[in-house]
Amino acid sequence: MTKLIAHFDGKVIVPDEPIDLPMNERLVIHVETEKKAATLKQMIELAAQIGFSKQDIAEMNAAIEEDCERVEPPDQW
């Protein structure tokens, strides 16, 4: 399975980065919005502004990751 991050330009779904898929092969695509990830990113930014340590933020991220389908990786904090 290939995970694809993309955006909808009003007509078609456009990948945000190059993908390695076979040409002309039919695909089954499941679409979900990135609301959980955006909310998590906002929470991490707020925690850092409030003064939480990187260790505290990492622990919160680990706890949230257990219950969410997708989270931002720590290198994107």
PDB file of N, CA and C in Angstrom:
ATOM      1  N   MET A   1       0.849  -1.173   0.000  1.00  0.00           N
ATOM      2  CA  MET A   1       0.000   0.000   0.000  1.00  0.00           C
ATOM      3  C   MET A   1       0.896   1.238   0.000  1.00  0.00           C
ATOM      4  N   THR A   2       0.516   2.235  -0.752  1.00  0.00           N
ATOM      5  CA  THR A   2       1.249   3.493  -0.825  1.00  0.00           C
ATOM      6  C   THR A   2       0.424   4.582  -0.162  1.00  0.00           C
ATOM      7  N   LYS A   3       1.047   5.309   0.770  1.00  0.00           N
ATOM      8  CA  LYS A   3       0.362   6.425   1.404  1.00  0.00           C
ATOM      9  C   LYS A   3       0.636   7.671   0.573  1.00  0.00           C
ATOM     10  N   LEU A   4      -0.409   8.401   0.259  1.00  0.00           N
ATOM     11  CA  LEU A   4      -0.301   9.563  -0.614  1.00  0.00           C
ATOM     12  C   LEU A   4      -0.828  10.790   0.108  1.00  0.00           C
ATOM     13  N   ILE A   5      -0.012  11.817   0.205  1.00  0.00           N
ATOM     14  CA  ILE A   5      -0.454  13.107   0.725  1.00  0.00           C
ATOM     15  C   ILE A   5      -0.660  13.996  -0.497  1.00  0.00           C
ATOM     16  N   ALA A   6      -1.839  14.560  -0.602  1.00  0.00           N
ATOM     17  CA  ALA A   6      -2.184  15.321  -1.801  1.00  0.00           C
ATOM     18  C   ALA A   6      -3.162  16.435  -1.446  1.00  0.00           C
ATOM     19  N   HIS A   7      -3.490  17.222  -2.446  1.00  0.00           N
ATOM     20  CA  HIS A   7      -4.515  18.253  -2.281  1.00  0.00           C
ATOM     21  C   HIS A   7      -5.437  18.209  -3.493  1.00  0.00           C
ATOM     22  N   PHE A   8      -6.623  18.740  -3.320  1.00  0.00           N
ATOM     23  CA  PHE A   8      -7.622  18.791  -4.384  1.00  0.00           C
ATOM     24  C   PHE A   8      -7.628  20.197  -4.947  1.00  0.00           C
ATOM     25  N   ASP A   9      -7.390  20.346  -6.239  1.00  0.00           N
ATOM     26  CA  ASP A   9      -7.309  21.680  -6.835  1.00  0.00           C
ATOM     27  C   ASP A   9      -8.641  22.177  -7.392  1.00  0.00           C
ATOM     28  N   GLY A  10      -9.717  21.465  -7.076  1.00  0.00           N
ATOM     29  CA  GLY A  10     -11.029  21.834  -7.570  1.00  0.00           C
ATOM     30  C   GLY A  10     -11.486  20.954  -8.717  1.00  0.00           C
ATOM     31  N   LYS A  11     -10.542  20.267  -9.345  1.00  0.00           N
ATOM     32  CA  LYS A  11     -10.867  19.361 -10.453  1.00  0.00           C
ATOM     33  C   LYS A  11     -10.261  17.975 -10.257  1.00  0.00           C
ATOM     34  N   VAL A  12      -8.998  17.924  -9.841  1.00  0.00           N
ATOM     35  CA  VAL A  12      -8.308  16.644  -9.687  1.00  0.00           C
ATOM     36  C   VAL A  12      -7.532  16.611  -8.372  1.00  0.00           C
ATOM     37  N   ILE A  13      -7.182  15.406  -7.939  1.00  0.00           N
ATOM     38  CA  ILE A  13      -6.320  15.227  -6.767  1.00  0.00           C
ATOM     39  C   ILE A  13      -4.875  15.294  -7.247  1.00  0.00           C
ATOM     40  N   VAL A  14      -4.088  16.171  -6.626  1.00  0.00           N
ATOM     41  CA  VAL A  14      -2.702  16.404  -7.041  1.00  0.00           C
ATOM     42  C   VAL A  14      -1.762  15.958  -5.919  1.00  0.00           C
ATOM     43  N   PRO A  15      -0.862  14.991  -6.185  1.00  0.00           N
ATOM     44  CA  PRO A  15       0.095  14.572  -5.150  1.00  0.00           C
ATOM     45  C   PRO A  15       1.000  15.735  -4.733  1.00  0.00           C
ATOM     46  N   ASP A  16       1.307  15.824  -3.437  1.00  0.00           N
ATOM     47  CA  ASP A  16       2.190  16.884  -2.944  1.00  0.00           C
ATOM     48  C   ASP A  16       3.663  16.537  -3.126  1.00  0.00           C
ATOM     49  N   GLU A  17       3.959  15.281  -3.412  1.00  0.00           N
ATOM     50  CA  GLU A  17       5.335  14.861  -3.657  1.00  0.00           C
ATOM     51  C   GLU A  17       5.307  13.711  -4.659  1.00  0.00           C
ATOM     52  N   PRO A  18       6.450  13.401  -5.281  1.00  0.00           N
ATOM     53  CA  PRO A  18       6.472  12.322  -6.272  1.00  0.00           C
ATOM     54  C   PRO A  18       6.033  10.990  -5.654  1.00  0.00           C
ATOM     55  N   ILE A  19       5.362  10.175  -6.456  1.00  0.00           N
ATOM     56  CA  ILE A  19       4.920   8.868  -5.995  1.00  0.00           C
ATOM     57  C   ILE A  19       5.340   7.794  -6.991  1.00  0.00           C
ATOM     58  N   ASP A  20       5.531   6.589  -6.485  1.00  0.00           N
ATOM     59  CA  ASP A  20       5.954   5.475  -7.323  1.00  0.00           C
ATOM     60  C   ASP A  20       4.785   4.507  -7.472  1.00  0.00           C
ATOM     61  N   LEU A  21       4.011   4.701  -8.529  1.00  0.00           N
ATOM     62  CA  LEU A  21       2.867   3.840  -8.820  1.00  0.00           C
ATOM     63  C   LEU A  21       2.958   3.369 -10.261  1.00  0.00           C
ATOM     64  N   PRO A  22       2.450   2.170 -10.538  1.00  0.00           N
ATOM     65  CA  PRO A  22       2.473   1.681 -11.919  1.00  0.00           C
ATOM     66  C   PRO A  22       1.553   2.509 -12.815  1.00  0.00           C
ATOM     67  N   MET A  23       1.993   2.737 -14.028  1.00  0.00           N
ATOM     68  CA  MET A  23       1.212   3.512 -14.995  1.00  0.00           C
ATOM     69  C   MET A  23      -0.021   2.743 -15.442  1.00  0.00           C
ATOM     70  N   ASN A  24      -1.118   3.443 -15.633  1.00  0.00           N
ATOM     71  CA  ASN A  24      -2.357   2.914 -16.200  1.00  0.00           C
ATOM     72  C   ASN A  24      -2.971   1.750 -15.422  1.00  0.00           C
ATOM     73  N   GLU A  25      -2.626   1.627 -14.157  1.00  0.00           N
ATOM     74  CA  GLU A  25      -3.242   0.592 -13.330  1.00  0.00           C
ATOM     75  C   GLU A  25      -4.362   1.227 -12.515  1.00  0.00           C
ATOM     76  N   ARG A  26      -5.506   0.546 -12.460  1.00  0.00           N
ATOM     77  CA  ARG A  26      -6.633   1.067 -11.685  1.00  0.00           C
ATOM     78  C   ARG A  26      -6.271   1.036 -10.203  1.00  0.00           C
ATOM     79  N   LEU A  27      -6.691   2.050  -9.486  1.00  0.00           N
ATOM     80  CA  LEU A  27      -6.399   2.164  -8.057  1.00  0.00           C
ATOM     81  C   LEU A  27      -7.705   2.261  -7.279  1.00  0.00           C
ATOM     82  N   VAL A  28      -7.691   1.772  -6.053  1.00  0.00           N
ATOM     83  CA  VAL A  28      -8.780   1.998  -5.120  1.00  0.00           C
ATOM     84  C   VAL A  28      -8.250   3.034  -4.137  1.00  0.00           C
ATOM     85  N   ILE A  29      -8.926   4.167  -4.043  1.00  0.00           N
ATOM     86  CA  ILE A  29      -8.436   5.276  -3.227  1.00  0.00           C
ATOM     87  C   ILE A  29      -9.425   5.570  -2.108  1.00  0.00           C
ATOM     88  N   HIS A  30      -8.916   5.635  -0.879  1.00  0.00           N
ATOM     89  CA  HIS A  30      -9.710   6.033   0.278  1.00  0.00           C
ATOM     90  C   HIS A  30      -9.251   7.439   0.653  1.00  0.00           C
ATOM     91  N   VAL A  31     -10.172   8.358   0.804  1.00  0.00           N
ATOM     92  CA  VAL A  31      -9.824   9.760   1.048  1.00  0.00           C
ATOM     93  C   VAL A  31     -10.268  10.171   2.447  1.00  0.00           C
ATOM     94  N   GLU A  32      -9.380  10.843   3.161  1.00  0.00           N
ATOM     95  CA  GLU A  32      -9.728  11.461   4.437  1.00  0.00           C
ATOM     96  C   GLU A  32      -9.002  12.789   4.526  1.00  0.00           C
ATOM     97  N   THR A  33      -9.568  13.718   5.255  1.00  0.00           N
ATOM     98  CA  THR A  33      -8.914  15.016   5.398  1.00  0.00           C
ATOM     99  C   THR A  33      -7.850  14.923   6.479  1.00  0.00           C
ATOM    100  N   GLU A  34      -7.026  15.920   6.542  1.00  0.00           N
ATOM    101  CA  GLU A  34      -5.895  15.933   7.460  1.00  0.00           C
ATOM    102  C   GLU A  34      -6.217  16.701   8.739  1.00  0.00           C
ATOM    103  N   LYS A  35      -7.473  16.769   9.117  1.00  0.00           N
ATOM    104  CA  LYS A  35      -7.877  17.565  10.279  1.00  0.00           C
ATOM    105  C   LYS A  35      -7.195  17.110  11.554  1.00  0.00           C
ATOM    106  N   LYS A  36      -7.073  15.812  11.784  1.00  0.00           N
ATOM    107  CA  LYS A  36      -6.413  15.329  12.999  1.00  0.00           C
ATOM    108  C   LYS A  36      -4.961  15.796  13.056  1.00  0.00           C
ATOM    109  N   ALA A  37      -4.245  15.688  11.937  1.00  0.00           N
ATOM    110  CA  ALA A  37      -2.846  16.086  11.908  1.00  0.00           C
ATOM    111  C   ALA A  37      -2.707  17.588  12.128  1.00  0.00           C
ATOM    112  N   ALA A  38      -3.569  18.380  11.511  1.00  0.00           N
ATOM    113  CA  ALA A  38      -3.493  19.828  11.697  1.00  0.00           C
ATOM    114  C   ALA A  38      -3.776  20.177  13.150  1.00  0.00           C
ATOM    115  N   THR A  39      -4.739  19.530  13.760  1.00  0.00           N
ATOM    116  CA  THR A  39      -5.065  19.787  15.159  1.00  0.00           C
ATOM    117  C   THR A  39      -3.897  19.415  16.055  1.00  0.00           C
ATOM    118  N   LEU A  40      -3.257  18.286  15.777  1.00  0.00           N
ATOM    119  CA  LEU A  40      -2.103  17.864  16.564  1.00  0.00           C
ATOM    120  C   LEU A  40      -0.954  18.862  16.409  1.00  0.00           C
ATOM    121  N   LYS A  41      -0.711  19.301  15.186  1.00  0.00           N
ATOM    122  CA  LYS A  41       0.365  20.269  14.956  1.00  0.00           C
ATOM    123  C   LYS A  41       0.092  21.551  15.736  1.00  0.00           C
ATOM    124  N   GLN A  42      -1.139  22.018  15.726  1.00  0.00           N
ATOM    125  CA  GLN A  42      -1.489  23.219  16.468  1.00  0.00           C
ATOM    126  C   GLN A  42      -1.286  23.000  17.969  1.00  0.00           C
ATOM    127  N   MET A  43      -1.657  21.810  18.463  1.00  0.00           N
ATOM    128  CA  MET A  43      -1.486  21.516  19.885  1.00  0.00           C
ATOM    129  C   MET A  43      -0.006  21.513  20.268  1.00  0.00           C
ATOM    130  N   ILE A  44       0.835  20.927  19.422  1.00  0.00           N
ATOM    131  CA  ILE A  44       2.269  20.879  19.710  1.00  0.00           C
ATOM    132  C   ILE A  44       2.857  22.292  19.718  1.00  0.00           C
ATOM    133  N   GLU A  45       2.451  23.125  18.764  1.00  0.00           N
ATOM    134  CA  GLU A  45       2.935  24.508  18.727  1.00  0.00           C
ATOM    135  C   GLU A  45       2.504  25.269  19.976  1.00  0.00           C
ATOM    136  N   LEU A  46       1.265  25.073  20.399  1.00  0.00           N
ATOM    137  CA  LEU A  46       0.777  25.738  21.604  1.00  0.00           C
ATOM    138  C   LEU A  46       1.522  25.251  22.840  1.00  0.00           C
ATOM    139  N   ALA A  47       1.739  23.953  22.934  1.00  0.00           N
ATOM    140  CA  ALA A  47       2.468  23.400  24.084  1.00  0.00           C
ATOM    141  C   ALA A  47       3.872  23.998  24.160  1.00  0.00           C
ATOM    142  N   ALA A  48       4.533  24.156  23.022  1.00  0.00           N
ATOM    143  CA  ALA A  48       5.873  24.753  23.002  1.00  0.00           C
ATOM    144  C   ALA A  48       5.818  26.220  23.431  1.00  0.00           C
ATOM    145  N   GLN A  49       4.795  26.965  22.984  1.00  0.00           N
ATOM    146  CA  GLN A  49       4.645  28.371  23.366  1.00  0.00           C
ATOM    147  C   GLN A  49       4.405  28.514  24.865  1.00  0.00           C
ATOM    148  N   ILE A  50       3.650  27.581  25.431  1.00  0.00           N
ATOM    149  CA  ILE A  50       3.340  27.635  26.865  1.00  0.00           C
ATOM    150  C   ILE A  50       4.567  27.303  27.701  1.00  0.00           C
ATOM    151  N   GLY A  51       5.509  26.575  27.119  1.00  0.00           N
ATOM    152  CA  GLY A  51       6.730  26.255  27.847  1.00  0.00           C
ATOM    153  C   GLY A  51       6.914  24.783  28.153  1.00  0.00           C
ATOM    154  N   PHE A  52       6.107  23.910  27.536  1.00  0.00           N
ATOM    155  CA  PHE A  52       6.309  22.482  27.723  1.00  0.00           C
ATOM    156  C   PHE A  52       7.682  22.109  27.170  1.00  0.00           C
ATOM    157  N   SER A  53       8.360  21.189  27.823  1.00  0.00           N
ATOM    158  CA  SER A  53       9.660  20.734  27.330  1.00  0.00           C
ATOM    159  C   SER A  53       9.462  19.831  26.112  1.00  0.00           C
ATOM    160  N   LYS A  54      10.533  19.622  25.353  1.00  0.00           N
ATOM    161  CA  LYS A  54      10.452  18.722  24.206  1.00  0.00           C
ATOM    162  C   LYS A  54      10.099  17.305  24.673  1.00  0.00           C
ATOM    163  N   GLN A  55      10.582  16.923  25.860  1.00  0.00           N
ATOM    164  CA  GLN A  55      10.255  15.600  26.407  1.00  0.00           C
ATOM    165  C   GLN A  55       8.755  15.493  26.684  1.00  0.00           C
ATOM    166  N   ASP A  56       8.178  16.534  27.302  1.00  0.00           N
ATOM    167  CA  ASP A  56       6.733  16.537  27.570  1.00  0.00           C
ATOM    168  C   ASP A  56       5.944  16.436  26.260  1.00  0.00           C
ATOM    169  N   ILE A  57       6.365  17.197  25.259  1.00  0.00           N
ATOM    170  CA  ILE A  57       5.675  17.184  23.971  1.00  0.00           C
ATOM    171  C   ILE A  57       5.800  15.814  23.324  1.00  0.00           C
ATOM    172  N   ALA A  58       6.978  15.192  23.409  1.00  0.00           N
ATOM    173  CA  ALA A  58       7.167  13.854  22.844  1.00  0.00           C
ATOM    174  C   ALA A  58       6.252  12.841  23.527  1.00  0.00           C
ATOM    175  N   GLU A  59       6.101  12.950  24.849  1.00  0.00           N
ATOM    176  CA  GLU A  59       5.215  12.034  25.582  1.00  0.00           C
ATOM    177  C   GLU A  59       3.755  12.252  25.192  1.00  0.00           C
ATOM    178  N   MET A  60       3.341  13.516  25.040  1.00  0.00           N
ATOM    179  CA  MET A  60       1.969  13.794  24.594  1.00  0.00           C
ATOM    180  C   MET A  60       1.748  13.237  23.188  1.00  0.00           C
ATOM    181  N   ASN A  61       2.733  13.438  22.318  1.00  0.00           N
ATOM    182  CA  ASN A  61       2.625  12.942  20.949  1.00  0.00           C
ATOM    183  C   ASN A  61       2.483  11.417  20.940  1.00  0.00           C
ATOM    184  N   ALA A  62       3.258  10.731  21.768  1.00  0.00           N
ATOM    185  CA  ALA A  62       3.183   9.267  21.826  1.00  0.00           C
ATOM    186  C   ALA A  62       1.799   8.815  22.292  1.00  0.00           C
ATOM    187  N   ALA A  63       1.249   9.494  23.292  1.00  0.00           N
ATOM    188  CA  ALA A  63      -0.084   9.128  23.796  1.00  0.00           C
ATOM    189  C   ALA A  63      -1.151   9.365  22.741  1.00  0.00           C
ATOM    190  N   ILE A  64      -1.049  10.471  22.034  1.00  0.00           N
ATOM    191  CA  ILE A  64      -2.031  10.783  20.988  1.00  0.00           C
ATOM    192  C   ILE A  64      -1.888   9.815  19.820  1.00  0.00           C
ATOM    193  N   GLU A  65      -0.649   9.472  19.467  1.00  0.00           N
ATOM    194  CA  GLU A  65      -0.405   8.578  18.339  1.00  0.00           C
ATOM    195  C   GLU A  65      -1.079   7.224  18.547  1.00  0.00           C
ATOM    196  N   GLU A  66      -1.196   6.785  19.791  1.00  0.00           N
ATOM    197  CA  GLU A  66      -1.844   5.509  20.072  1.00  0.00           C
ATOM    198  C   GLU A  66      -3.319   5.527  19.688  1.00  0.00           C
ATOM    199  N   ASP A  67      -3.960   6.708  19.732  1.00  0.00           N
ATOM    200  CA  ASP A  67      -5.394   6.806  19.469  1.00  0.00           C
ATOM    201  C   ASP A  67      -5.749   7.450  18.135  1.00  0.00           C
ATOM    202  N   CYS A  68      -4.775   7.966  17.413  1.00  0.00           N
ATOM    203  CA  CYS A  68      -5.048   8.644  16.141  1.00  0.00           C
ATOM    204  C   CYS A  68      -4.472   7.831  14.993  1.00  0.00           C
ATOM    205  N   GLU A  69      -5.044   8.017  13.814  1.00  0.00           N
ATOM    206  CA  GLU A  69      -4.557   7.302  12.644  1.00  0.00           C
ATOM    207  C   GLU A  69      -3.281   7.913  12.080  1.00  0.00           C
ATOM    208  N   ARG A  70      -3.097   9.213  12.262  1.00  0.00           N
ATOM    209  CA  ARG A  70      -1.943   9.875  11.673  1.00  0.00           C
ATOM    210  C   ARG A  70      -1.516  11.047  12.553  1.00  0.00           C
ATOM    211  N   VAL A  71      -0.195  11.177  12.761  1.00  0.00           N
ATOM    212  CA  VAL A  71       0.335  12.321  13.483  1.00  0.00           C
ATOM    213  C   VAL A  71       1.576  12.830  12.745  1.00  0.00           C
ATOM    214  N   GLU A  72       1.933  14.069  13.002  1.00  0.00           N
ATOM    215  CA  GLU A  72       3.137  14.613  12.406  1.00  0.00           C
ATOM    216  C   GLU A  72       4.347  13.977  13.078  1.00  0.00           C
ATOM    217  N   PRO A  73       5.387  13.578  12.319  1.00  0.00           N
ATOM    218  CA  PRO A  73       6.588  13.006  12.930  1.00  0.00           C
ATOM    219  C   PRO A  73       7.336  14.048  13.742  1.00  0.00           C
ATOM    220  N   PRO A  74       8.067  13.618  14.796  1.00  0.00           N
ATOM    221  CA  PRO A  74       8.772  14.566  15.659  1.00  0.00           C
ATOM    222  C   PRO A  74       9.738  15.483  14.913  1.00  0.00           C
ATOM    223  N   ASP A  75      10.336  15.040  13.804  1.00  0.00           N
ATOM    224  CA  ASP A  75      11.272  15.901  13.076  1.00  0.00           C
ATOM    225  C   ASP A  75      10.600  17.095  12.422  1.00  0.00           C
ATOM    226  N   GLN A  76       9.248  17.137  12.415  1.00  0.00           N
ATOM    227  CA  GLN A  76       8.529  18.288  11.842  1.00  0.00           C
ATOM    228  C   GLN A  76       8.064  19.255  12.929  1.00  0.00           C
ATOM    229  N   TRP A  77       8.474  19.042  14.179  1.00  0.00           N
ATOM    230  CA  TRP A  77       8.095  19.972  15.257  1.00  0.00           C
ATOM    231  C   TRP A  77       8.868  21.200  15.062  1.00  0.00           C
TER     232      TRP A  77
END
